[in-house]
Amino acid sequence: MTLEIRTSPIALELRESERILSGRVVPYNIEARVRSFTEVIRPGAFVDADPTQIPLLAVHDHESLPIGRALSLTDGPTGLDAELRVSKTTLGDEVLELIKDGAVGGLSVGFTPIEDRWNATRSRVERIRARLVEISVTNWPAYADARIMAVRSEELLRTPRLAVARYRL
């Protein structure tokens, strides 16, 4: 099976002191144009995902070591939410700094399809079940609902710009 990659701009929160990112990694029931077809990921597509098996990568770089891992995954009716720990590494520190600066704004998933429902012309697909392979921090979202919107830490919340960004939804 082919590894599929989908990026979603989402509300992502950073708990800096704990190095934890949280947010929606996949919105459900949202149409997105992918190559030559439209895709919709249905609720429950990733219900079997085991967070202990999901690495956190920087921009789907499968050649480098991960920058962290998933701590928890919550599969709800409107999307798949995650808490992700960023490891204390050089690249992990760089990614956290880019998120704080607002230079990086999204999360993306890599998955392999398990059960799909295509229309007759193969111009639209519903992803019914898929195996989650990885989650990546990225800045090029495929889904308009998956942007980094919030940064939370005691020090950063004292700055007006970040306090305002925290409440944008």
Protein backbone atom coordinates (compact mmCIF):
# COMPACT_ATOMS: atom_id res chain seq x y z
CA MET A 1 0.00 0.00 0.00
CA THR A 2 1.06 3.55 -0.70
CA LEU A 3 1.68 6.01 2.12
CA GLU A 4 -0.74 8.92 1.77
CA ILE A 5 0.07 12.30 3.30
CA ARG A 6 -2.57 14.87 4.28
CA THR A 7 -1.88 18.18 5.94
CA SER A 8 -4.51 20.01 7.95
CA PRO A 9 -4.33 23.57 9.26
CA ILE A 10 -5.71 23.29 12.79
CA ALA A 11 -5.96 24.89 16.17
CA LEU A 12 -2.72 23.73 17.73
CA GLU A 13 -1.70 24.58 21.25
CA LEU A 14 1.84 24.55 22.61
CA ARG A 15 2.48 23.91 26.30
CA GLU A 16 6.08 25.04 26.12
CA SER A 17 7.27 24.02 29.59
CA GLU A 18 6.09 20.47 28.91
CA ARG A 19 7.04 20.52 25.19
CA ILE A 20 3.53 19.31 24.32
CA LEU A 21 1.57 20.24 21.20
CA SER A 22 -2.13 19.54 21.08
CA GLY A 23 -4.68 20.00 18.36
CA ARG A 24 -6.70 18.47 15.59
CA VAL A 25 -4.59 16.45 13.18
CA VAL A 26 -7.40 15.38 10.82
CA PRO A 27 -10.78 17.08 10.39
CA TYR A 28 -13.59 14.71 9.40
CA ASN A 29 -16.25 15.27 6.73
CA ILE A 30 -14.27 18.09 5.07
CA GLU A 31 -13.61 17.92 1.34
CA ALA A 32 -10.07 18.54 0.16
CA ARG A 33 -8.61 18.50 -3.33
CA VAL A 34 -5.78 15.93 -3.49
CA ARG A 35 -3.97 15.56 -6.80
CA SER A 36 -6.73 14.73 -9.35
CA PHE A 37 -9.51 13.84 -6.90
CA THR A 38 -11.50 15.11 -3.94
CA GLU A 39 -11.05 13.37 -0.61
CA VAL A 40 -13.21 13.19 2.51
CA ILE A 41 -12.01 11.40 5.63
CA ARG A 42 -14.92 9.95 7.57
CA PRO A 43 -15.32 9.80 11.36
CA GLY A 44 -13.68 6.76 12.87
CA ALA A 45 -11.18 6.31 10.05
CA PHE A 46 -8.31 6.24 12.56
CA VAL A 47 -10.17 4.75 15.54
CA ASP A 48 -7.67 1.88 15.89
CA ALA A 49 -4.57 4.11 15.96
CA ASP A 50 -2.22 3.37 18.87
CA PRO A 51 -0.50 6.58 20.06
CA THR A 52 2.49 4.62 21.36
CA GLN A 53 3.25 3.65 17.77
CA ILE A 54 2.94 7.10 16.13
CA PRO A 55 6.11 9.17 15.69
CA LEU A 56 6.09 12.97 15.34
CA LEU A 57 8.14 14.12 12.36
CA ALA A 58 9.20 17.43 10.86
CA VAL A 59 7.68 17.85 7.37
CA HIS A 60 7.28 14.11 6.72
CA ASP A 61 11.03 13.55 6.84
CA HIS A 62 11.13 9.77 7.00
CA GLU A 63 14.91 9.76 6.54
CA SER A 64 15.67 11.57 9.82
CA LEU A 65 14.94 10.59 13.38
CA PRO A 66 11.55 11.67 14.76
CA ILE A 67 11.25 14.94 16.69
CA GLY A 68 8.87 13.35 19.19
CA ARG A 69 5.87 11.08 19.51
CA ALA A 70 2.15 11.00 20.08
CA LEU A 71 1.05 10.89 23.72
CA SER A 72 -2.67 10.53 23.10
CA LEU A 73 -5.12 10.35 20.21
CA THR A 74 -8.81 11.16 20.58
CA ASP A 75 -11.06 10.06 17.75
CA GLY A 76 -14.19 12.22 17.90
CA PRO A 77 -17.12 12.88 15.56
CA THR A 78 -15.49 15.96 13.99
CA GLY A 79 -11.87 14.86 13.80
CA LEU A 80 -8.81 13.17 15.22
CA ASP A 81 -7.16 15.17 18.01
CA ALA A 82 -3.69 14.53 19.41
CA GLU A 83 -1.32 15.45 22.17
CA LEU A 84 2.26 15.27 20.94
CA ARG A 85 5.50 15.52 22.88
CA VAL A 86 8.42 17.25 21.16
CA SER A 87 11.73 15.72 22.22
CA LYS A 88 14.55 17.83 23.66
CA THR A 89 16.74 17.64 20.56
CA THR A 90 18.26 20.26 18.29
CA LEU A 91 15.58 19.76 15.65
CA GLY A 92 12.83 19.59 18.29
CA ASP A 93 14.03 22.92 19.71
CA GLU A 94 14.07 24.45 16.21
CA VAL A 95 10.52 23.28 15.48
CA LEU A 96 9.22 24.65 18.78
CA GLU A 97 10.86 28.01 18.07
CA LEU A 98 9.29 28.12 14.59
CA ILE A 99 5.86 27.38 16.09
CA LYS A 100 6.28 30.12 18.72
CA ASP A 101 7.34 32.58 16.01
CA GLY A 102 4.30 31.67 13.90
CA ALA A 103 6.52 30.51 11.02
CA VAL A 104 5.08 26.98 11.07
CA GLY A 105 1.36 26.57 11.18
CA GLY A 106 0.00 23.08 10.67
CA LEU A 107 -0.05 19.39 11.28
CA SER A 108 -0.12 16.66 8.71
CA VAL A 109 -0.71 12.92 8.77
CA GLY A 110 0.83 10.07 6.85
CA PHE A 111 -1.50 7.08 6.48
CA THR A 112 -2.14 3.97 4.44
CA PRO A 113 -5.72 3.47 3.22
CA ILE A 114 -7.48 0.32 4.41
CA GLU A 115 -11.07 0.88 3.27
CA ASP A 116 -12.10 3.48 0.68
CA ARG A 117 -15.31 4.32 -1.14
CA TRP A 118 -14.70 5.80 -4.62
CA ASN A 119 -17.32 7.25 -6.93
CA ALA A 120 -17.80 5.78 -10.43
CA THR A 121 -15.45 8.28 -12.12
CA ARG A 122 -12.79 7.98 -9.37
CA SER A 123 -12.91 11.74 -8.90
CA ARG A 124 -14.00 11.52 -5.23
CA VAL A 125 -12.98 9.20 -2.42
CA GLU A 126 -14.26 8.69 1.11
CA ARG A 127 -11.63 7.32 3.49
CA ILE A 128 -13.55 4.92 5.73
CA ARG A 129 -10.61 3.25 7.52
CA ALA A 130 -6.90 3.98 7.41
CA ARG A 131 -3.75 3.08 9.31
CA LEU A 132 -2.11 6.14 10.84
CA VAL A 133 1.66 5.96 10.18
CA GLU A 134 2.95 9.33 11.41
CA ILE A 135 2.06 12.89 12.32
CA SER A 136 4.19 15.77 11.06
CA VAL A 137 4.58 19.44 11.87
CA THR A 138 4.40 21.34 8.59
CA ASN A 139 3.39 24.64 7.05
CA TRP A 140 1.61 23.48 3.89
CA PRO A 141 -1.86 22.24 4.85
CA ALA A 142 -4.20 20.35 2.54
CA TYR A 143 -7.15 21.00 4.86
CA ALA A 144 -8.04 24.61 5.59
CA ASP A 145 -9.13 23.74 9.15
CA ALA A 146 -5.75 22.67 10.52
CA ARG A 147 -3.60 25.68 11.45
CA ILE A 148 -1.53 26.32 14.52
CA MET A 149 -3.70 28.88 16.24
CA ALA A 150 -2.59 28.90 19.86
CA VAL A 151 0.58 29.04 21.89
CA ARG A 152 0.35 28.55 25.64
CA SER A 153 3.05 28.93 28.25
CA GLU A 154 3.31 31.14 31.30
CA GLU A 155 5.93 33.43 29.77
CA LEU A 156 4.40 33.69 26.31
CA LEU A 157 0.87 34.47 27.52
CA ARG A 158 2.14 37.74 28.97
CA THR A 159 2.80 39.04 25.45
CA PRO A 160 -0.29 40.66 23.87
CA ARG A 161 0.29 39.26 20.35
CA LEU A 162 0.30 35.67 21.56
CA ALA A 163 -2.55 36.16 23.98
CA VAL A 164 -4.73 37.34 21.07
CA ALA A 165 -3.58 34.44 18.87
CA ARG A 166 -4.55 32.02 21.62
CA TYR A 167 -8.23 32.89 21.23
CA ARG A 168 -8.54 32.82 17.44
CA LEU A 169 -10.65 29.84 16.40
